[in-house]
Amino acid sequence: KQGRSCADLVWSQRMLTSVVTRREFEYSKINIDMTAAFNTIRRQ
């Protein structure tokens, strides 16, 4: 996407962690890894 990059997501997560380390707040996350993702999608 124009004007977007992985830095956007890293910045967002580090902003969240800064709130976690300074306030009473916590969150959880699951990183989903897919097997051969680009190779399995159906063209139709």
All heavy atoms as atom14 arrays in JSON, in Angstrom:
{
  "sequence": "KQGRSCADLVWSQRMLTSVVTRREFEYSKINIDMTAAFNTIRRQ",
  "atom14_mask": [
    [1, 1, 1, 1, 1, 1, 1, 1, 1, 0, 0, 0, 0, 0],
    [1, 1, 1, 1, 1, 1, 1, 1, 1, 0, 0, 0, 0, 0],
    [1, 1, 1, 1, 0, 0, 0, 0, 0, 0, 0, 0, 0, 0],
    [1, 1, 1, 1, 1, 1, 1, 1, 1, 1, 1, 0, 0, 0],
    [1, 1, 1, 1, 1, 1, 0, 0, 0, 0, 0, 0, 0, 0],
    [1, 1, 1, 1, 1, 1, 0, 0, 0, 0, 0, 0, 0, 0],
    [1, 1, 1, 1, 1, 0, 0, 0, 0, 0, 0, 0, 0, 0],
    [1, 1, 1, 1, 1, 1, 1, 1, 0, 0, 0, 0, 0, 0],
    [1, 1, 1, 1, 1, 1, 1, 1, 0, 0, 0, 0, 0, 0],
    [1, 1, 1, 1, 1, 1, 1, 0, 0, 0, 0, 0, 0, 0],
    [1, 1, 1, 1, 1, 1, 1, 1, 1, 1, 1, 1, 1, 1],
    [1, 1, 1, 1, 1, 1, 0, 0, 0, 0, 0, 0, 0, 0],
    [1, 1, 1, 1, 1, 1, 1, 1, 1, 0, 0, 0, 0, 0],
    [1, 1, 1, 1, 1, 1, 1, 1, 1, 1, 1, 0, 0, 0],
    [1, 1, 1, 1, 1, 1, 1, 1, 0, 0, 0, 0, 0, 0],
    [1, 1, 1, 1, 1, 1, 1, 1, 0, 0, 0, 0, 0, 0],
    [1, 1, 1, 1, 1, 1, 1, 0, 0, 0, 0, 0, 0, 0],
    [1, 1, 1, 1, 1, 1, 0, 0, 0, 0, 0, 0, 0, 0],
    [1, 1, 1, 1, 1, 1, 1, 0, 0, 0, 0, 0, 0, 0],
    [1, 1, 1, 1, 1, 1, 1, 0, 0, 0, 0, 0, 0, 0],
    [1, 1, 1, 1, 1, 1, 1, 0, 0, 0, 0, 0, 0, 0],
    [1, 1, 1, 1, 1, 1, 1, 1, 1, 1, 1, 0, 0, 0],
    [1, 1, 1, 1, 1, 1, 1, 1, 1, 1, 1, 0, 0, 0],
    [1, 1, 1, 1, 1, 1, 1, 1, 1, 0, 0, 0, 0, 0],
    [1, 1, 1, 1, 1, 1, 1, 1, 1, 1, 1, 0, 0, 0],
    [1, 1, 1, 1, 1, 1, 1, 1, 1, 0, 0, 0, 0, 0],
    [1, 1, 1, 1, 1, 1, 1, 1, 1, 1, 1, 1, 0, 0],
    [1, 1, 1, 1, 1, 1, 0, 0, 0, 0, 0, 0, 0, 0],
    [1, 1, 1, 1, 1, 1, 1, 1, 1, 0, 0, 0, 0, 0],
    [1, 1, 1, 1, 1, 1, 1, 1, 0, 0, 0, 0, 0, 0],
    [1, 1, 1, 1, 1, 1, 1, 1, 0, 0, 0, 0, 0, 0],
    [1, 1, 1, 1, 1, 1, 1, 1, 0, 0, 0, 0, 0, 0],
    [1, 1, 1, 1, 1, 1, 1, 1, 0, 0, 0, 0, 0, 0],
    [1, 1, 1, 1, 1, 1, 1, 1, 0, 0, 0, 0, 0, 0],
    [1, 1, 1, 1, 1, 1, 1, 0, 0, 0, 0, 0, 0, 0],
    [1, 1, 1, 1, 1, 0, 0, 0, 0, 0, 0, 0, 0, 0],
    [1, 1, 1, 1, 1, 0, 0, 0, 0, 0, 0, 0, 0, 0],
    [1, 1, 1, 1, 1, 1, 1, 1, 1, 1, 1, 0, 0, 0],
    [1, 1, 1, 1, 1, 1, 1, 1, 0, 0, 0, 0, 0, 0],
    [1, 1, 1, 1, 1, 1, 1, 0, 0, 0, 0, 0, 0, 0],
    [1, 1, 1, 1, 1, 1, 1, 1, 0, 0, 0, 0, 0, 0],
    [1, 1, 1, 1, 1, 1, 1, 1, 1, 1, 1, 0, 0, 0],
    [1, 1, 1, 1, 1, 1, 1, 1, 1, 1, 1, 0, 0, 0],
    [1, 1, 1, 1, 1, 1, 1, 1, 1, 0, 0, 0, 0, 0]
  ],
  "atom14_positions": [
    [[0.84, -1.19, 0.0], [0.0, 0.0, 0.0], [0.88, 1.24, 0.0], [1.9, 1.29, 0.69], [-0.91, 0.02, 1.23], [-1.99, -1.05, 1.22], [-2.91, -0.89, 2.4], [-4.05, -1.9, 2.34], [-4.97, -1.76, 3.48], [0.0, 0.0, 0.0], [0.0, 0.0, 0.0], [0.0, 0.0, 0.0], [0.0, 0.0, 0.0], [0.0, 0.0, 0.0]],
    [[0.45, 2.23, -0.76], [1.21, 3.48, -0.82], [1.2, 4.16, 0.55], [0.17, 4.3, 1.18], [0.6, 4.41, -1.86], [1.4, 5.68, -2.08], [0.83, 6.55, -3.19], [-0.23, 6.24, -3.73], [1.49, 7.62, -3.52], [0.0, 0.0, 0.0], [0.0, 0.0, 0.0], [0.0, 0.0, 0.0], [0.0, 0.0, 0.0], [0.0, 0.0, 0.0]],
    [[2.38, 4.56, 0.99], [2.48, 5.25, 2.27], [2.42, 4.36, 3.48], [2.36, 4.85, 4.62], [0.0, 0.0, 0.0], [0.0, 0.0, 0.0], [0.0, 0.0, 0.0], [0.0, 0.0, 0.0], [0.0, 0.0, 0.0], [0.0, 0.0, 0.0], [0.0, 0.0, 0.0], [0.0, 0.0, 0.0], [0.0, 0.0, 0.0], [0.0, 0.0, 0.0]],
    [[2.44, 3.04, 3.28], [2.42, 2.1, 4.41], [3.65, 1.2, 4.34], [4.19, 0.95, 3.25], [1.15, 1.23, 4.38], [-0.15, 2.0, 4.46], [-0.31, 2.73, 5.77], [-0.24, 1.86, 6.92], [-1.27, 1.14, 7.38], [-2.44, 1.19, 6.78], [-1.13, 0.39, 8.46], [0.0, 0.0, 0.0], [0.0, 0.0, 0.0], [0.0, 0.0, 0.0]],
    [[4.08, 0.73, 5.49], [5.24, -0.17, 5.54], [5.19, -0.96, 6.84], [4.33, -0.73, 7.7], [6.55, 0.63, 5.47], [6.75, 1.36, 6.67], [0.0, 0.0, 0.0], [0.0, 0.0, 0.0], [0.0, 0.0, 0.0], [0.0, 0.0, 0.0], [0.0, 0.0, 0.0], [0.0, 0.0, 0.0], [0.0, 0.0, 0.0], [0.0, 0.0, 0.0]],
    [[6.14, -1.88, 6.99], [6.21, -2.66, 8.23], [6.52, -1.76, 9.42], [6.21, -2.11, 10.56], [7.23, -3.77, 8.1], [8.92, -3.21, 7.81], [0.0, 0.0, 0.0], [0.0, 0.0, 0.0], [0.0, 0.0, 0.0], [0.0, 0.0, 0.0], [0.0, 0.0, 0.0], [0.0, 0.0, 0.0], [0.0, 0.0, 0.0], [0.0, 0.0, 0.0]],
    [[7.15, -0.59, 9.17], [7.47, 0.33, 10.27], [6.21, 0.8, 10.98], [6.23, 1.07, 12.18], [8.26, 1.52, 9.74], [0.0, 0.0, 0.0], [0.0, 0.0, 0.0], [0.0, 0.0, 0.0], [0.0, 0.0, 0.0], [0.0, 0.0, 0.0], [0.0, 0.0, 0.0], [0.0, 0.0, 0.0], [0.0, 0.0, 0.0], [0.0, 0.0, 0.0]],
    [[5.09, 0.92, 10.24], [3.82, 1.33, 10.85], [3.41, 0.36, 11.95], [3.0, 0.76, 13.04], [2.7, 1.39, 9.8], [2.92, 2.47, 8.77], [4.09, 2.76, 8.47], [1.94, 3.01, 8.26], [0.0, 0.0, 0.0], [0.0, 0.0, 0.0], [0.0, 0.0, 0.0], [0.0, 0.0, 0.0], [0.0, 0.0, 0.0], [0.0, 0.0, 0.0]],
    [[3.51, -0.94, 11.66], [3.08, -1.96, 12.62], [4.04, -2.05, 13.8], [3.61, -2.21, 14.94], [2.97, -3.31, 11.91], [2.04, -3.37, 10.7], [1.95, -4.79, 10.17], [0.65, -2.85, 11.05], [0.0, 0.0, 0.0], [0.0, 0.0, 0.0], [0.0, 0.0, 0.0], [0.0, 0.0, 0.0], [0.0, 0.0, 0.0], [0.0, 0.0, 0.0]],
    [[5.33, -1.95, 13.52], [6.32, -1.99, 14.61], [6.13, -0.79, 15.53], [6.16, -0.91, 16.76], [7.75, -2.05, 14.04], [8.78, -1.98, 15.17], [7.95, -3.32, 13.24], [0.0, 0.0, 0.0], [0.0, 0.0, 0.0], [0.0, 0.0, 0.0], [0.0, 0.0, 0.0], [0.0, 0.0, 0.0], [0.0, 0.0, 0.0], [0.0, 0.0, 0.0]],
    [[5.95, 0.39, 14.94], [5.73, 1.61, 15.74], [4.49, 1.46, 16.61], [4.51, 1.8, 17.8], [5.58, 2.81, 14.81], [5.43, 4.13, 15.53], [6.43, 4.98, 15.9], [4.2, 4.74, 15.95], [5.9, 6.08, 16.53], [4.54, 5.96, 16.58], [2.86, 4.38, 15.86], [3.58, 6.82, 17.1], [1.91, 5.23, 16.39], [2.26, 6.43, 17.0]],
    [[3.4, 0.93, 16.04], [2.15, 0.77, 16.79], [2.33, -0.16, 17.97], [1.88, 0.12, 19.09], [1.04, 0.24, 15.87], [0.8, 1.14, 14.81], [0.0, 0.0, 0.0], [0.0, 0.0, 0.0], [0.0, 0.0, 0.0], [0.0, 0.0, 0.0], [0.0, 0.0, 0.0], [0.0, 0.0, 0.0], [0.0, 0.0, 0.0], [0.0, 0.0, 0.0]],
    [[3.01, -1.29, 17.74], [3.2, -2.26, 18.82], [4.11, -1.69, 19.92], [3.89, -1.93, 21.1], [3.78, -3.55, 18.27], [2.84, -4.3, 17.36], [2.19, -5.49, 18.04], [2.57, -5.91, 19.12], [1.19, -6.04, 17.39], [0.0, 0.0, 0.0], [0.0, 0.0, 0.0], [0.0, 0.0, 0.0], [0.0, 0.0, 0.0], [0.0, 0.0, 0.0]],
    [[5.12, -0.94, 19.52], [6.0, -0.36, 20.53], [5.3, 0.74, 21.32], [5.6, 0.96, 22.5], [7.29, 0.15, 19.87], [8.22, -0.98, 19.49], [9.54, -0.49, 18.98], [10.43, -1.63, 18.72], [11.41, -1.61, 17.83], [11.64, -0.52, 17.12], [12.17, -2.67, 17.65], [0.0, 0.0, 0.0], [0.0, 0.0, 0.0], [0.0, 0.0, 0.0]],
    [[4.38, 1.44, 20.69], [3.56, 2.4, 21.42], [2.72, 1.68, 22.46], [2.57, 2.13, 23.6], [2.68, 3.19, 20.46], [3.41, 4.26, 19.68], [4.02, 5.6, 20.73], [2.48, 6.37, 21.21], [0.0, 0.0, 0.0], [0.0, 0.0, 0.0], [0.0, 0.0, 0.0], [0.0, 0.0, 0.0], [0.0, 0.0, 0.0], [0.0, 0.0, 0.0]],
    [[2.17, 0.53, 22.09], [1.36, -0.25, 23.03], [2.22, -0.76, 24.18], [1.81, -0.72, 25.35], [0.7, -1.42, 22.3], [-0.44, -1.09, 21.35], [-0.88, -2.33, 20.59], [-1.62, -0.49, 22.1], [0.0, 0.0, 0.0], [0.0, 0.0, 0.0], [0.0, 0.0, 0.0], [0.0, 0.0, 0.0], [0.0, 0.0, 0.0], [0.0, 0.0, 0.0]],
    [[3.43, -1.23, 23.87], [4.29, -1.73, 24.94], [4.73, -0.6, 25.87], [4.93, -0.82, 27.07], [5.54, -2.43, 24.37], [6.29, -1.51, 23.56], [5.15, -3.63, 23.54], [0.0, 0.0, 0.0], [0.0, 0.0, 0.0], [0.0, 0.0, 0.0], [0.0, 0.0, 0.0], [0.0, 0.0, 0.0], [0.0, 0.0, 0.0], [0.0, 0.0, 0.0]],
    [[4.86, 0.62, 25.34], [5.21, 1.74, 26.21], [4.09, 2.04, 27.19], [4.33, 2.43, 28.34], [5.53, 2.99, 25.37], [4.38, 3.51, 24.76], [0.0, 0.0, 0.0], [0.0, 0.0, 0.0], [0.0, 0.0, 0.0], [0.0, 0.0, 0.0], [0.0, 0.0, 0.0], [0.0, 0.0, 0.0], [0.0, 0.0, 0.0], [0.0, 0.0, 0.0]],
    [[2.84, 1.85, 26.75], [1.7, 2.02, 27.66], [1.71, 0.9, 28.7], [1.45, 1.13, 29.89], [0.37, 2.02, 26.87], [-0.81, 2.09, 27.82], [0.33, 3.19, 25.9], [0.0, 0.0, 0.0], [0.0, 0.0, 0.0], [0.0, 0.0, 0.0], [0.0, 0.0, 0.0], [0.0, 0.0, 0.0], [0.0, 0.0, 0.0], [0.0, 0.0, 0.0]],
    [[2.02, -0.31, 28.26], [2.07, -1.45, 29.18], [3.09, -1.2, 30.3], [2.83, -1.5, 31.47], [2.42, -2.74, 28.41], [2.76, -3.87, 29.37], [1.26, -3.15, 27.52], [0.0, 0.0, 0.0], [0.0, 0.0, 0.0], [0.0, 0.0, 0.0], [0.0, 0.0, 0.0], [0.0, 0.0, 0.0], [0.0, 0.0, 0.0], [0.0, 0.0, 0.0]],
    [[4.25, -0.68, 29.95], [5.32, -0.5, 30.94], [5.12, 0.72, 31.82], [5.88, 0.91, 32.78], [6.69, -0.39, 30.24], [6.65, 0.68, 29.28], [7.04, -1.69, 29.54], [0.0, 0.0, 0.0], [0.0, 0.0, 0.0], [0.0, 0.0, 0.0], [0.0, 0.0, 0.0], [0.0, 0.0, 0.0], [0.0, 0.0, 0.0], [0.0, 0.0, 0.0]],
    [[4.12, 1.55, 31.53], [3.9, 2.75, 32.32], [2.53, 2.79, 33.0], [2.3, 3.62, 33.87], [4.05, 4.0, 31.44], [5.51, 4.29, 31.07], [5.59, 5.36, 30.0], [6.98, 5.75, 29.75], [7.85, 5.06, 29.04], [7.47, 3.91, 28.49], [9.09, 5.48, 28.87], [0.0, 0.0, 0.0], [0.0, 0.0, 0.0], [0.0, 0.0, 0.0]],
    [[1.62, 1.92, 32.6], [0.27, 1.96, 33.14], [-0.21, 0.55, 33.48], [0.41, -0.44, 33.12], [-0.69, 2.62, 32.14], [-0.3, 4.05, 31.77], [-1.29, 4.64, 30.8], [-0.9, 5.99, 30.4], [-1.59, 6.73, 29.52], [-2.68, 6.26, 28.97], [-1.16, 7.94, 29.21], [0.0, 0.0, 0.0], [0.0, 0.0, 0.0], [0.0, 0.0, 0.0]],
    [[-1.35, 0.49, 34.1], [-1.96, -0.8, 34.43], [-2.72, -1.31, 33.21], [-3.94, -1.12, 33.09], [-2.9, -0.66, 35.64], [-2.19, -0.3, 36.92], [-1.23, -1.38, 37.37], [-1.53, -2.57, 37.12], [-0.18, -1.05, 37.96], [0.0, 0.0, 0.0], [0.0, 0.0, 0.0], [0.0, 0.0, 0.0], [0.0, 0.0, 0.0], [0.0, 0.0, 0.0]],
    [[-2.02, -1.92, 32.3], [-2.62, -2.38, 31.04], [-1.79, -3.53, 30.52], [-0.57, -3.53, 30.64], [-2.65, -1.23, 30.03], [-3.0, -1.65, 28.62], [-4.31, -1.98, 28.28], [-2.03, -1.7, 27.64], [-4.62, -2.35, 26.98], [-2.33, -2.09, 26.34], [-3.63, -2.4, 26.02], [0.0, 0.0, 0.0], [0.0, 0.0, 0.0], [0.0, 0.0, 0.0]],
    [[-2.42, -4.52, 29.94], [-1.71, -5.61, 29.28], [-2.56, -6.14, 28.14], [-3.77, -5.94, 28.1], [-1.36, -6.73, 30.25], [-2.56, -7.5, 30.79], [-2.12, -8.66, 31.66], [-1.51, -8.42, 32.72], [-2.42, -9.82, 31.29], [0.0, 0.0, 0.0], [0.0, 0.0, 0.0], [0.0, 0.0, 0.0], [0.0, 0.0, 0.0], [0.0, 0.0, 0.0]],
    [[-1.91, -6.79, 27.2], [-2.64, -7.4, 26.09], [-1.91, -8.65, 25.65], [-0.75, -8.87, 26.02], [-2.82, -6.41, 24.93], [-1.55, -6.08, 24.18], [-1.21, -6.75, 23.0], [-0.69, -5.09, 24.64], [-0.06, -6.44, 22.3], [0.47, -4.77, 23.95], [0.77, -5.44, 22.78], [1.93, -5.13, 22.09], [0.0, 0.0, 0.0], [0.0, 0.0, 0.0]],
    [[-2.6, -9.46, 24.89], [-2.01, -10.69, 24.36], [-2.15, -10.69, 22.85], [-3.01, -9.99, 22.29], [-2.72, -11.92, 24.95], [-2.58, -11.95, 26.36], [0.0, 0.0, 0.0], [0.0, 0.0, 0.0], [0.0, 0.0, 0.0], [0.0, 0.0, 0.0], [0.0, 0.0, 0.0], [0.0, 0.0, 0.0], [0.0, 0.0, 0.0], [0.0, 0.0, 0.0]],
    [[-1.33, -11.47, 22.19], [-1.4, -11.55, 20.73], [-0.96, -12.92, 20.26], [-0.2, -13.62, 20.94], [-0.56, -10.46, 20.07], [0.94, -10.55, 20.38], [1.69, -9.51, 19.58], [3.21, -9.69, 19.75], [3.97, -8.85, 18.82], [0.0, 0.0, 0.0], [0.0, 0.0, 0.0], [0.0, 0.0, 0.0], [0.0, 0.0, 0.0], [0.0, 0.0, 0.0]],
    [[-1.47, -13.29, 19.11], [-1.07, -14.54, 18.46], [-0.58, -14.2, 17.06], [-1.28, -13.55, 16.27], [-2.24, -15.53, 18.37], [-2.57, -16.09, 19.76], [-1.91, -16.67, 17.43], [-3.7, -17.1, 19.77], [0.0, 0.0, 0.0], [0.0, 0.0, 0.0], [0.0, 0.0, 0.0], [0.0, 0.0, 0.0], [0.0, 0.0, 0.0], [0.0, 0.0, 0.0]],
    [[0.65, -14.6, 16.79], [1.21, -14.43, 15.45], [0.91, -15.68, 14.65], [1.35, -16.78, 15.0], [2.72, -14.19, 15.53], [3.34, -13.99, 14.16], [3.61, -14.95, 13.45], [3.56, -12.76, 13.79], [0.0, 0.0, 0.0], [0.0, 0.0, 0.0], [0.0, 0.0, 0.0], [0.0, 0.0, 0.0], [0.0, 0.0, 0.0], [0.0, 0.0, 0.0]],
    [[0.13, -15.54, 13.59], [-0.3, -16.68, 12.78], [0.67, -16.86, 11.61], [0.82, -15.96, 10.78], [-1.73, -16.48, 12.26], [-2.7, -16.33, 13.43], [-2.16, -17.65, 11.38], [-4.13, -16.06, 13.01], [0.0, 0.0, 0.0], [0.0, 0.0, 0.0], [0.0, 0.0, 0.0], [0.0, 0.0, 0.0], [0.0, 0.0, 0.0], [0.0, 0.0, 0.0]],
    [[1.3, -18.01, 11.58], [2.21, -18.34, 10.48], [1.51, -19.36, 9.58], [0.95, -20.34, 10.06], [3.51, -18.92, 11.02], [4.53, -19.14, 9.92], [5.28, -18.2, 9.63], [4.57, -20.25, 9.35], [0.0, 0.0, 0.0], [0.0, 0.0, 0.0], [0.0, 0.0, 0.0], [0.0, 0.0, 0.0], [0.0, 0.0, 0.0], [0.0, 0.0, 0.0]],
    [[1.54, -19.11, 8.27], [0.87, -19.99, 7.32], [1.88, -20.76, 6.48], [2.95, -20.26, 6.16], [-0.06, -19.18, 6.42], [-1.16, -18.5, 7.21], [-2.25, -17.53, 6.17], [-3.08, -16.53, 7.41], [0.0, 0.0, 0.0], [0.0, 0.0, 0.0], [0.0, 0.0, 0.0], [0.0, 0.0, 0.0], [0.0, 0.0, 0.0], [0.0, 0.0, 0.0]],
    [[1.52, -21.97, 6.14], [2.39, -22.85, 5.36], [2.23, -22.57, 3.87], [1.13, -22.68, 3.34], [2.07, -24.33, 5.66], [2.19, -24.57, 7.07], [2.98, -25.25, 4.89], [0.0, 0.0, 0.0], [0.0, 0.0, 0.0], [0.0, 0.0, 0.0], [0.0, 0.0, 0.0], [0.0, 0.0, 0.0], [0.0, 0.0, 0.0], [0.0, 0.0, 0.0]],
    [[3.35, -22.2, 3.22], [3.35, -21.98, 1.76], [2.14, -21.17, 1.33], [1.42, -21.53, 0.39], [3.39, -23.32, 1.03], [0.0, 0.0, 0.0], [0.0, 0.0, 0.0], [0.0, 0.0, 0.0], [0.0, 0.0, 0.0], [0.0, 0.0, 0.0], [0.0, 0.0, 0.0], [0.0, 0.0, 0.0], [0.0, 0.0, 0.0], [0.0, 0.0, 0.0]],
    [[1.93, -20.03, 2.01], [0.68, -19.29, 1.84], [0.41, -18.87, 0.39], [-0.69, -19.05, -0.12], [0.7, -18.05, 2.75], [0.0, 0.0, 0.0], [0.0, 0.0, 0.0], [0.0, 0.0, 0.0], [0.0, 0.0, 0.0], [0.0, 0.0, 0.0], [0.0, 0.0, 0.0], [0.0, 0.0, 0.0], [0.0, 0.0, 0.0], [0.0, 0.0, 0.0]],
    [[1.43, -18.33, -0.28], [1.22, -17.83, -1.64], [0.95, -18.98, -2.63], [0.41, -18.76, -3.71], [2.46, -17.06, -2.1], [2.57, -15.68, -1.52], [2.51, -15.47, -0.16], [2.75, -14.58, -2.35], [2.63, -14.2, 0.38], [2.87, -13.3, -1.82], [2.81, -13.12, -0.45], [0.0, 0.0, 0.0], [0.0, 0.0, 0.0], [0.0, 0.0, 0.0]],
    [[1.33, -20.19, -2.26], [1.26, -21.32, -3.19], [-0.05, -22.08, -3.13], [-0.26, -22.99, -3.94], [2.4, -22.3, -2.92], [3.76, -21.63, -3.0], [3.88, -20.51, -3.48], [4.78, -22.29, -2.51], [0.0, 0.0, 0.0], [0.0, 0.0, 0.0], [0.0, 0.0, 0.0], [0.0, 0.0, 0.0], [0.0, 0.0, 0.0], [0.0, 0.0, 0.0]],
    [[-0.91, -21.77, -2.16], [-2.1, -22.6, -1.95], [-3.41, -21.93, -2.33], [-4.43, -22.61, -2.43], [-2.19, -23.03, -0.47], [-2.27, -21.87, 0.36], [-0.96, -23.84, -0.06], [0.0, 0.0, 0.0], [0.0, 0.0, 0.0], [0.0, 0.0, 0.0], [0.0, 0.0, 0.0], [0.0, 0.0, 0.0], [0.0, 0.0, 0.0], [0.0, 0.0, 0.0]],
    [[-3.38, -20.62, -2.53], [-4.65, -19.92, -2.78], [-5.25, -20.33, -4.13], [-4.53, -20.58, -5.09], [-4.46, -18.39, -2.72], [-3.36, -17.92, -3.67], [-4.14, -17.96, -1.3], [-3.15, -16.42, -3.68], [0.0, 0.0, 0.0], [0.0, 0.0, 0.0], [0.0, 0.0, 0.0], [0.0, 0.0, 0.0], [0.0, 0.0, 0.0], [0.0, 0.0, 0.0]],
    [[-6.59, -20.39, -4.16], [-7.3, -20.78, -5.39], [-7.51, -19.56, -6.28], [-7.93, -18.5, -5.81], [-8.64, -21.42, -5.03], [-8.52, -22.75, -4.33], [-9.87, -23.43, -4.23], [-10.8, -22.65, -3.42], [-11.02, -22.86, -2.13], [-10.37, -23.82, -1.5], [-11.88, -22.11, -1.47], [0.0, 0.0, 0.0], [0.0, 0.0, 0.0], [0.0, 0.0, 0.0]],
    [[-7.29, -19.74, -7.55], [-7.37, -18.61, -8.48], [-8.8, -18.14, -8.71], [-9.05, -16.96, -8.91], [-6.68, -18.97, -9.79], [-5.19, -19.16, -9.58], [-4.44, -19.54, -10.83], [-3.02, -19.66, -10.52], [-2.1, -20.03, -11.4], [-2.46, -20.32, -12.64], [-0.83, -20.1, -11.04], [0.0, 0.0, 0.0], [0.0, 0.0, 0.0], [0.0, 0.0, 0.0]],
    [[-9.75, -19.06, -8.68], [-11.14, -18.64, -8.84], [-11.59, -17.79, -7.66], [-12.38, -16.85, -7.81], [-12.06, -19.87, -8.96], [-13.51, -19.54, -9.28], [-13.65, -18.7, -10.54], [-13.11, -19.04, -11.6], [-14.38, -17.59, -10.45], [0.0, 0.0, 0.0], [0.0, 0.0, 0.0], [0.0, 0.0, 0.0], [0.0, 0.0, 0.0], [0.0, 0.0, 0.0]]
  ]
}
